[in-house]
N, C-alpha and C. Protein backbone atom coordinates (compact mmCIF):
# COMPACT_ATOMS: atom_id res chain seq x y z
N MET A 1 51.39 -45.08 52.73
CA MET A 1 51.98 -45.36 54.03
C MET A 1 50.90 -45.76 55.04
N ARG A 2 49.77 -45.07 55.01
CA ARG A 2 48.70 -45.38 55.98
C ARG A 2 48.12 -46.77 55.73
N ILE A 3 47.97 -47.13 54.47
CA ILE A 3 47.45 -48.46 54.15
C ILE A 3 48.43 -49.51 54.65
N ALA A 4 49.71 -49.27 54.47
CA ALA A 4 50.73 -50.22 54.93
C ALA A 4 50.67 -50.37 56.45
N LEU A 5 50.47 -49.28 57.16
CA LEU A 5 50.38 -49.37 58.62
C LEU A 5 49.11 -50.10 59.06
N LEU A 6 48.01 -49.93 58.32
CA LEU A 6 46.79 -50.68 58.64
C LEU A 6 46.99 -52.17 58.42
N VAL A 7 47.68 -52.53 57.36
CA VAL A 7 47.97 -53.95 57.08
C VAL A 7 48.82 -54.53 58.20
N VAL A 8 49.81 -53.76 58.66
CA VAL A 8 50.68 -54.22 59.76
C VAL A 8 49.87 -54.40 61.04
N ARG A 9 48.99 -53.48 61.34
CA ARG A 9 48.18 -53.60 62.56
C ARG A 9 47.26 -54.81 62.49
N PHE A 10 46.72 -55.09 61.30
CA PHE A 10 45.89 -56.27 61.14
C PHE A 10 46.70 -57.54 61.36
N ALA A 11 47.88 -57.61 60.76
CA ALA A 11 48.73 -58.80 60.92
C ALA A 11 49.12 -59.00 62.38
N ALA A 12 49.44 -57.91 63.08
CA ALA A 12 49.81 -58.02 64.49
C ALA A 12 48.62 -58.45 65.34
N ALA A 13 47.41 -58.00 64.98
CA ALA A 13 46.22 -58.41 65.72
C ALA A 13 45.96 -59.90 65.55
N VAL A 14 46.24 -60.42 64.35
CA VAL A 14 46.06 -61.85 64.12
C VAL A 14 47.07 -62.64 64.94
N VAL A 15 48.30 -62.16 65.02
CA VAL A 15 49.33 -62.84 65.81
C VAL A 15 49.00 -62.72 67.30
N GLY A 16 48.52 -61.55 67.71
CA GLY A 16 48.14 -61.35 69.11
C GLY A 16 49.30 -60.95 70.01
N ASP A 17 50.28 -60.24 69.45
CA ASP A 17 51.44 -59.84 70.26
C ASP A 17 51.79 -58.39 69.93
N GLU A 18 51.76 -57.54 70.92
CA GLU A 18 51.99 -56.10 70.75
C GLU A 18 53.39 -55.78 70.25
N ARG A 19 54.39 -56.55 70.64
CA ARG A 19 55.77 -56.22 70.25
C ARG A 19 55.96 -56.38 68.74
N TYR A 20 55.26 -57.33 68.13
CA TYR A 20 55.36 -57.47 66.68
C TYR A 20 54.81 -56.23 65.99
N ARG A 21 53.70 -55.70 66.49
CA ARG A 21 53.13 -54.50 65.88
C ARG A 21 54.12 -53.35 65.91
N GLU A 22 54.76 -53.13 67.05
CA GLU A 22 55.73 -52.04 67.16
C GLU A 22 56.91 -52.23 66.22
N GLN A 23 57.43 -53.44 66.16
CA GLN A 23 58.58 -53.71 65.29
C GLN A 23 58.19 -53.57 63.82
N TRP A 24 57.04 -54.11 63.46
CA TRP A 24 56.63 -54.06 62.06
C TRP A 24 56.29 -52.66 61.62
N GLU A 25 55.69 -51.86 62.50
CA GLU A 25 55.41 -50.46 62.13
C GLU A 25 56.71 -49.71 61.89
N ALA A 26 57.71 -49.95 62.73
CA ALA A 26 59.02 -49.31 62.53
C ALA A 26 59.65 -49.76 61.21
N ASP A 27 59.47 -51.02 60.86
CA ASP A 27 60.00 -51.52 59.59
C ASP A 27 59.33 -50.82 58.40
N VAL A 28 58.02 -50.63 58.49
CA VAL A 28 57.29 -49.97 57.41
C VAL A 28 57.73 -48.51 57.28
N VAL A 29 57.89 -47.83 58.41
CA VAL A 29 58.30 -46.42 58.39
C VAL A 29 59.72 -46.29 57.82
N GLY A 30 60.61 -47.20 58.17
CA GLY A 30 61.99 -47.14 57.70
C GLY A 30 62.22 -47.73 56.33
N ALA A 31 61.21 -48.33 55.73
CA ALA A 31 61.39 -49.00 54.43
C ALA A 31 61.77 -48.01 53.33
N HIS A 32 61.18 -46.84 53.34
CA HIS A 32 61.46 -45.85 52.29
C HIS A 32 62.93 -45.44 52.29
N GLU A 33 63.52 -45.32 53.48
CA GLU A 33 64.92 -44.94 53.58
C GLU A 33 65.84 -45.97 52.95
N LEU A 34 65.41 -47.22 52.94
CA LEU A 34 66.20 -48.30 52.37
C LEU A 34 65.86 -48.57 50.91
N GLY A 35 64.98 -47.76 50.34
CA GLY A 35 64.60 -47.92 48.95
C GLY A 35 63.61 -49.05 48.73
N MET A 36 62.90 -49.43 49.77
CA MET A 36 61.91 -50.50 49.67
C MET A 36 60.51 -49.90 49.70
N SER A 37 59.56 -50.67 49.19
CA SER A 37 58.17 -50.24 49.21
C SER A 37 57.57 -50.52 50.59
N PRO A 38 57.00 -49.52 51.26
CA PRO A 38 56.36 -49.76 52.55
C PRO A 38 55.22 -50.78 52.46
N LEU A 39 54.49 -50.76 51.35
CA LEU A 39 53.40 -51.71 51.17
C LEU A 39 53.93 -53.13 51.00
N GLY A 40 55.06 -53.27 50.32
CA GLY A 40 55.69 -54.59 50.18
C GLY A 40 56.14 -55.14 51.53
N VAL A 41 56.69 -54.27 52.36
CA VAL A 41 57.09 -54.69 53.71
C VAL A 41 55.85 -55.08 54.52
N ALA A 42 54.77 -54.32 54.37
CA ALA A 42 53.54 -54.61 55.11
C ALA A 42 52.98 -55.97 54.72
N PHE A 43 52.98 -56.29 53.44
CA PHE A 43 52.47 -57.59 53.03
C PHE A 43 53.42 -58.72 53.46
N GLY A 44 54.68 -58.39 53.65
CA GLY A 44 55.61 -59.35 54.23
C GLY A 44 55.23 -59.69 55.66
N THR A 45 54.69 -58.72 56.39
CA THR A 45 54.25 -59.00 57.76
C THR A 45 53.04 -59.93 57.77
N VAL A 46 52.20 -59.82 56.74
CA VAL A 46 51.05 -60.73 56.65
C VAL A 46 51.55 -62.16 56.42
N ARG A 47 52.56 -62.30 55.56
CA ARG A 47 53.13 -63.63 55.34
C ARG A 47 53.77 -64.16 56.62
N ALA A 48 54.40 -63.28 57.38
CA ALA A 48 55.00 -63.70 58.65
C ALA A 48 53.93 -64.08 59.66
N ALA A 49 52.81 -63.36 59.66
CA ALA A 49 51.73 -63.66 60.60
C ALA A 49 51.17 -65.06 60.37
N VAL A 50 51.18 -65.51 59.13
CA VAL A 50 50.70 -66.85 58.83
C VAL A 50 51.64 -67.90 59.41
N ALA A 51 52.94 -67.60 59.43
CA ALA A 51 53.94 -68.58 59.86
C ALA A 51 54.19 -68.59 61.37
N ILE A 52 53.90 -67.48 62.06
CA ILE A 52 54.17 -67.39 63.50
C ILE A 52 53.11 -68.18 64.27
N PRO A 53 53.52 -68.98 65.25
CA PRO A 53 52.53 -69.70 66.07
C PRO A 53 51.59 -68.73 66.77
N SER A 54 50.32 -69.07 66.81
CA SER A 54 49.30 -68.19 67.35
C SER A 54 49.25 -68.25 68.88
N LYS A 55 49.01 -67.09 69.49
CA LYS A 55 48.75 -67.02 70.93
C LYS A 55 47.25 -66.94 71.17
N GLY A 56 46.47 -67.07 70.12
CA GLY A 56 45.02 -66.95 70.25
C GLY A 56 44.57 -65.54 69.94
N ALA A 57 43.30 -65.39 69.75
CA ALA A 57 42.74 -64.09 69.42
C ALA A 57 42.62 -63.26 70.69
N VAL A 58 43.26 -62.10 70.68
CA VAL A 58 43.20 -61.22 71.84
C VAL A 58 42.46 -59.93 71.54
N VAL A 59 42.09 -59.73 70.29
CA VAL A 59 41.41 -58.51 69.89
C VAL A 59 40.02 -58.88 69.41
N ALA A 60 39.01 -58.26 69.96
CA ALA A 60 37.65 -58.49 69.52
C ALA A 60 37.27 -57.35 68.60
N GLY A 61 37.65 -57.47 67.33
CA GLY A 61 37.38 -56.41 66.37
C GLY A 61 35.96 -56.48 65.83
N ILE A 62 35.63 -55.48 65.04
CA ILE A 62 34.33 -55.48 64.38
C ILE A 62 34.58 -55.54 62.88
N GLY A 63 33.59 -55.88 62.12
CA GLY A 63 33.74 -55.95 60.68
C GLY A 63 34.53 -57.18 60.27
N PRO A 64 35.31 -57.06 59.20
CA PRO A 64 36.05 -58.21 58.68
C PRO A 64 37.01 -58.83 59.71
N LEU A 65 37.67 -57.99 60.49
CA LEU A 65 38.59 -58.52 61.50
C LEU A 65 37.83 -59.29 62.57
N GLY A 66 36.69 -58.79 63.00
CA GLY A 66 35.89 -59.49 64.01
C GLY A 66 35.41 -60.84 63.52
N ILE A 67 34.95 -60.89 62.27
CA ILE A 67 34.51 -62.16 61.70
C ILE A 67 35.67 -63.15 61.65
N ALA A 68 36.82 -62.67 61.22
CA ALA A 68 37.98 -63.55 61.12
C ALA A 68 38.43 -64.06 62.49
N LEU A 69 38.39 -63.19 63.48
CA LEU A 69 38.86 -63.59 64.81
C LEU A 69 37.90 -64.56 65.49
N LYS A 70 36.64 -64.57 65.10
CA LYS A 70 35.70 -65.55 65.64
C LYS A 70 36.10 -66.96 65.22
N HIS A 71 36.80 -67.04 64.11
CA HIS A 71 37.23 -68.34 63.59
C HIS A 71 38.71 -68.59 63.86
N ALA A 72 39.25 -67.97 64.90
CA ALA A 72 40.68 -68.06 65.17
C ALA A 72 41.11 -69.46 65.58
N GLY A 73 40.17 -70.33 65.94
CA GLY A 73 40.54 -71.70 66.25
C GLY A 73 40.99 -72.47 65.02
N THR A 74 40.68 -71.94 63.84
CA THR A 74 41.09 -72.58 62.59
C THR A 74 42.50 -72.11 62.23
N SER A 75 42.99 -72.54 61.11
CA SER A 75 44.34 -72.15 60.69
C SER A 75 44.39 -70.65 60.43
N ARG A 76 45.56 -70.09 60.59
CA ARG A 76 45.72 -68.65 60.40
C ARG A 76 45.49 -68.25 58.95
N GLY A 77 45.81 -69.13 58.02
CA GLY A 77 45.54 -68.84 56.62
C GLY A 77 44.05 -68.66 56.36
N ARG A 78 43.23 -69.47 57.01
CA ARG A 78 41.78 -69.34 56.85
C ARG A 78 41.28 -68.04 57.47
N VAL A 79 41.84 -67.66 58.61
CA VAL A 79 41.46 -66.40 59.25
C VAL A 79 41.75 -65.23 58.31
N LEU A 80 42.94 -65.23 57.71
CA LEU A 80 43.30 -64.14 56.79
C LEU A 80 42.41 -64.17 55.55
N ALA A 81 42.10 -65.35 55.05
CA ALA A 81 41.23 -65.44 53.87
C ALA A 81 39.84 -64.89 54.17
N ILE A 82 39.29 -65.22 55.33
CA ILE A 82 37.97 -64.72 55.72
C ILE A 82 38.00 -63.20 55.82
N ALA A 83 39.04 -62.66 56.43
CA ALA A 83 39.14 -61.20 56.59
C ALA A 83 39.25 -60.50 55.24
N VAL A 84 40.07 -61.05 54.35
CA VAL A 84 40.26 -60.42 53.04
C VAL A 84 38.97 -60.47 52.23
N VAL A 85 38.32 -61.62 52.19
CA VAL A 85 37.06 -61.74 51.44
C VAL A 85 36.00 -60.82 52.02
N SER A 86 35.91 -60.75 53.33
CA SER A 86 34.92 -59.86 53.96
C SER A 86 35.20 -58.40 53.64
N ALA A 87 36.47 -58.02 53.70
CA ALA A 87 36.84 -56.63 53.40
C ALA A 87 36.52 -56.30 51.94
N LEU A 88 36.78 -57.23 51.03
CA LEU A 88 36.46 -57.00 49.62
C LEU A 88 34.96 -56.87 49.41
N MET A 89 34.17 -57.65 50.14
CA MET A 89 32.72 -57.55 50.01
C MET A 89 32.23 -56.19 50.52
N VAL A 90 32.77 -55.73 51.62
CA VAL A 90 32.39 -54.41 52.16
C VAL A 90 32.79 -53.33 51.17
N LEU A 91 34.01 -53.42 50.65
CA LEU A 91 34.49 -52.43 49.67
C LEU A 91 33.61 -52.45 48.42
N GLY A 92 33.21 -53.64 47.96
CA GLY A 92 32.33 -53.74 46.81
C GLY A 92 30.99 -53.07 47.06
N GLY A 93 30.46 -53.24 48.26
CA GLY A 93 29.20 -52.59 48.62
C GLY A 93 29.32 -51.08 48.62
N VAL A 94 30.43 -50.58 49.13
CA VAL A 94 30.65 -49.12 49.13
C VAL A 94 30.75 -48.60 47.71
N VAL A 95 31.47 -49.33 46.86
CA VAL A 95 31.60 -48.91 45.46
C VAL A 95 30.24 -48.91 44.79
N LEU A 96 29.42 -49.90 45.05
CA LEU A 96 28.09 -49.94 44.44
C LEU A 96 27.20 -48.80 44.92
N LEU A 97 27.41 -48.35 46.15
CA LEU A 97 26.62 -47.22 46.66
C LEU A 97 26.87 -45.96 45.85
N PHE A 98 28.11 -45.77 45.43
CA PHE A 98 28.49 -44.53 44.74
C PHE A 98 28.57 -44.69 43.24
N ALA A 99 28.27 -45.86 42.74
CA ALA A 99 28.34 -46.08 41.27
C ALA A 99 27.09 -45.60 40.57
């Protein structure tokens, strides 16, 4: 559930609209009651974030999100790709530290 909420917050930050975050978090929380996977709903919000017209980057994040938002003038698909690749690289580094 926490991972799903983090994915939703990331997608809402890319869109740049607080109301989407609130609605999507409620959808993730209520997904279990409907017999749906909260993580599946969360990844649906990422797909929606790609399709929604951008209001521009309003969050100056750090790490993968910050790198992606620096390139917000590009297509939203590229922003998400940069964030995902960066997050995987950070995760790989953490895994190598403990391997």
